[in-house]
Amino acid sequence: MLKPDVDHYTRKVEIDGEMTVGEILKTISLDPAYVALIHVDGKMKDLSFKPSNGQTITLQPPVSGG
């Protein structure tokens, strides 16, 4: 389980060089299967997106209901 370092829902991650969102998820031990949507600057992105320095990535999990 991820331990938040900003607030209950936020994790600050620093990376070396260019990494895709998928590579970042692996670095923090988060299975990409638990990510349904990736938002960056109000736009949908995929696991191949390479964020710039300081960019905020919002991840949303799959949702089910009944």
N, C-alpha and C. Protein backbone atom coordinates (compact mmCIF):
# COMPACT_ATOMS: atom_id res chain seq x y z
N MET A 1 0.83 -1.18 0.00
CA MET A 1 0.00 0.00 0.00
C MET A 1 0.87 1.24 0.00
N LEU A 2 0.48 2.23 -0.81
CA LEU A 2 1.24 3.47 -0.88
C LEU A 2 1.07 4.27 0.41
N LYS A 3 2.15 4.84 0.86
CA LYS A 3 2.08 5.71 2.02
C LYS A 3 2.10 7.15 1.51
N PRO A 4 1.03 7.89 1.74
CA PRO A 4 0.99 9.27 1.25
C PRO A 4 1.99 10.14 1.98
N ASP A 5 2.57 11.11 1.28
CA ASP A 5 3.52 12.00 1.93
C ASP A 5 3.09 13.46 1.84
N VAL A 6 1.98 13.73 1.19
CA VAL A 6 1.46 15.10 1.13
C VAL A 6 0.15 15.17 1.91
N ASP A 7 -0.81 14.36 1.54
CA ASP A 7 -2.05 14.19 2.29
C ASP A 7 -2.52 12.75 2.08
N HIS A 8 -3.71 12.43 2.54
CA HIS A 8 -4.18 11.04 2.48
C HIS A 8 -4.24 10.48 1.06
N TYR A 9 -4.42 11.34 0.06
CA TYR A 9 -4.61 10.87 -1.32
C TYR A 9 -3.46 11.24 -2.25
N THR A 10 -2.41 11.84 -1.74
CA THR A 10 -1.36 12.39 -2.60
C THR A 10 0.00 11.79 -2.27
N ARG A 11 0.73 11.44 -3.31
CA ARG A 11 2.08 10.93 -3.16
C ARG A 11 2.99 11.74 -4.06
N LYS A 12 4.01 12.35 -3.49
CA LYS A 12 4.99 13.10 -4.28
C LYS A 12 6.10 12.12 -4.67
N VAL A 13 6.39 12.06 -5.97
CA VAL A 13 7.39 11.14 -6.48
C VAL A 13 8.40 11.93 -7.30
N GLU A 14 9.67 11.74 -7.00
CA GLU A 14 10.73 12.37 -7.78
C GLU A 14 11.40 11.28 -8.60
N ILE A 15 11.63 11.60 -9.87
CA ILE A 15 12.22 10.61 -10.77
C ILE A 15 13.48 11.18 -11.41
N ASP A 16 14.36 10.29 -11.84
CA ASP A 16 15.57 10.70 -12.55
C ASP A 16 15.34 10.51 -14.04
N GLY A 17 15.52 11.58 -14.80
CA GLY A 17 15.36 11.48 -16.24
C GLY A 17 13.91 11.36 -16.66
N GLU A 18 13.71 10.99 -17.91
CA GLU A 18 12.36 10.83 -18.44
C GLU A 18 11.86 9.43 -18.19
N MET A 19 10.67 9.35 -17.61
CA MET A 19 10.01 8.06 -17.39
C MET A 19 8.56 8.19 -17.82
N THR A 20 8.00 7.10 -18.31
CA THR A 20 6.58 7.09 -18.64
C THR A 20 5.77 6.92 -17.35
N VAL A 21 4.49 7.21 -17.42
CA VAL A 21 3.62 6.99 -16.27
C VAL A 21 3.67 5.51 -15.87
N GLY A 22 3.67 4.61 -16.84
CA GLY A 22 3.75 3.18 -16.55
C GLY A 22 5.02 2.82 -15.79
N GLU A 23 6.15 3.40 -16.19
CA GLU A 23 7.42 3.14 -15.50
C GLU A 23 7.39 3.71 -14.07
N ILE A 24 6.77 4.88 -13.92
CA ILE A 24 6.65 5.49 -12.59
C ILE A 24 5.82 4.60 -11.68
N LEU A 25 4.72 4.07 -12.21
CA LEU A 25 3.86 3.19 -11.41
C LEU A 25 4.64 1.97 -10.92
N LYS A 26 5.45 1.39 -11.80
CA LYS A 26 6.27 0.24 -11.41
C LYS A 26 7.28 0.63 -10.33
N THR A 27 7.85 1.83 -10.45
CA THR A 27 8.83 2.31 -9.48
C THR A 27 8.24 2.42 -8.08
N ILE A 28 6.96 2.81 -8.00
CA ILE A 28 6.31 2.95 -6.69
C ILE A 28 5.48 1.71 -6.34
N SER A 29 5.72 0.62 -7.06
CA SER A 29 5.05 -0.67 -6.81
C SER A 29 3.53 -0.60 -6.89
N LEU A 30 3.03 0.12 -7.88
CA LEU A 30 1.59 0.21 -8.10
C LEU A 30 1.27 -0.47 -9.43
N ASP A 31 0.49 -1.52 -9.38
CA ASP A 31 0.11 -2.28 -10.56
C ASP A 31 -0.77 -1.40 -11.46
N PRO A 32 -0.37 -1.19 -12.73
CA PRO A 32 -1.17 -0.38 -13.65
C PRO A 32 -2.61 -0.87 -13.82
N ALA A 33 -2.88 -2.14 -13.47
CA ALA A 33 -4.24 -2.66 -13.56
C ALA A 33 -5.18 -1.94 -12.60
N TYR A 34 -4.63 -1.28 -11.58
CA TYR A 34 -5.44 -0.54 -10.62
C TYR A 34 -5.68 0.90 -11.04
N VAL A 35 -5.24 1.26 -12.25
CA VAL A 35 -5.42 2.62 -12.76
C VAL A 35 -6.31 2.57 -13.99
N ALA A 36 -7.47 3.20 -13.89
CA ALA A 36 -8.40 3.23 -15.02
C ALA A 36 -8.20 4.48 -15.87
N LEU A 37 -7.95 5.61 -15.22
CA LEU A 37 -7.81 6.89 -15.92
C LEU A 37 -6.60 7.64 -15.42
N ILE A 38 -5.93 8.33 -16.35
CA ILE A 38 -4.78 9.16 -16.03
C ILE A 38 -5.08 10.57 -16.56
N HIS A 39 -5.04 11.55 -15.68
CA HIS A 39 -5.30 12.94 -16.06
C HIS A 39 -4.04 13.77 -15.81
N VAL A 40 -3.68 14.59 -16.79
CA VAL A 40 -2.57 15.53 -16.64
C VAL A 40 -3.03 16.85 -17.26
N ASP A 41 -3.01 17.90 -16.46
CA ASP A 41 -3.44 19.23 -16.92
C ASP A 41 -4.82 19.20 -17.57
N GLY A 42 -5.73 18.42 -16.98
CA GLY A 42 -7.10 18.36 -17.46
C GLY A 42 -7.31 17.53 -18.70
N LYS A 43 -6.27 16.81 -19.15
CA LYS A 43 -6.38 15.99 -20.35
C LYS A 43 -6.09 14.53 -20.01
N MET A 44 -6.79 13.64 -20.71
CA MET A 44 -6.57 12.20 -20.52
C MET A 44 -5.23 11.80 -21.15
N LYS A 45 -4.50 10.98 -20.45
CA LYS A 45 -3.22 10.45 -20.95
C LYS A 45 -3.22 8.94 -20.78
N ASP A 46 -2.20 8.29 -21.35
CA ASP A 46 -2.09 6.84 -21.17
C ASP A 46 -0.76 6.51 -20.49
N LEU A 47 -0.50 5.23 -20.29
CA LEU A 47 0.69 4.81 -19.57
C LEU A 47 2.00 5.17 -20.26
N SER A 48 1.96 5.51 -21.54
CA SER A 48 3.18 5.87 -22.27
C SER A 48 3.53 7.35 -22.15
N PHE A 49 2.66 8.13 -21.50
CA PHE A 49 2.90 9.57 -21.36
C PHE A 49 4.11 9.82 -20.46
N LYS A 50 4.98 10.77 -20.87
CA LYS A 50 6.16 11.16 -20.09
C LYS A 50 5.92 12.56 -19.51
N PRO A 51 5.64 12.65 -18.21
CA PRO A 51 5.38 13.95 -17.60
C PRO A 51 6.64 14.81 -17.53
N SER A 52 6.45 16.14 -17.53
CA SER A 52 7.55 17.09 -17.37
C SER A 52 7.78 17.34 -15.89
N ASN A 53 8.89 17.99 -15.61
CA ASN A 53 9.25 18.34 -14.24
C ASN A 53 8.15 19.16 -13.56
N GLY A 54 7.72 18.72 -12.40
CA GLY A 54 6.71 19.45 -11.64
C GLY A 54 5.27 19.20 -12.04
N GLN A 55 5.05 18.41 -13.05
CA GLN A 55 3.69 18.15 -13.52
C GLN A 55 2.94 17.23 -12.55
N THR A 56 1.66 17.50 -12.35
CA THR A 56 0.83 16.69 -11.47
C THR A 56 0.07 15.66 -12.28
N ILE A 57 0.13 14.42 -11.84
CA ILE A 57 -0.58 13.32 -12.50
C ILE A 57 -1.68 12.86 -11.55
N THR A 58 -2.90 12.79 -12.06
CA THR A 58 -4.01 12.31 -11.25
C THR A 58 -4.41 10.93 -11.76
N LEU A 59 -4.42 9.97 -10.85
CA LEU A 59 -4.78 8.59 -11.20
C LEU A 59 -6.13 8.26 -10.60
N GLN A 60 -6.99 7.62 -11.38
CA GLN A 60 -8.28 7.19 -10.89
C GLN A 60 -8.40 5.68 -11.04
N PRO A 61 -8.85 5.01 -9.99
CA PRO A 61 -8.98 3.55 -10.04
C PRO A 61 -10.24 3.13 -10.78
N PRO A 62 -10.28 1.88 -11.21
CA PRO A 62 -11.51 1.35 -11.80
C PRO A 62 -12.63 1.39 -10.73
N VAL A 63 -13.82 1.63 -11.19
CA VAL A 63 -14.97 1.72 -10.27
C VAL A 63 -16.00 0.70 -10.70
N SER A 64 -16.58 0.04 -9.72
CA SER A 64 -17.68 -0.88 -10.04
C SER A 64 -18.79 -0.63 -9.03
N GLY A 65 -19.94 -1.02 -9.38
CA GLY A 65 -21.06 -0.81 -8.47
C GLY A 65 -22.17 -1.79 -8.77
N GLY A 66 -23.22 -1.62 -8.06
CA GLY A 66 -24.28 -2.57 -8.29
C GLY A 66 -25.62 -2.04 -7.94
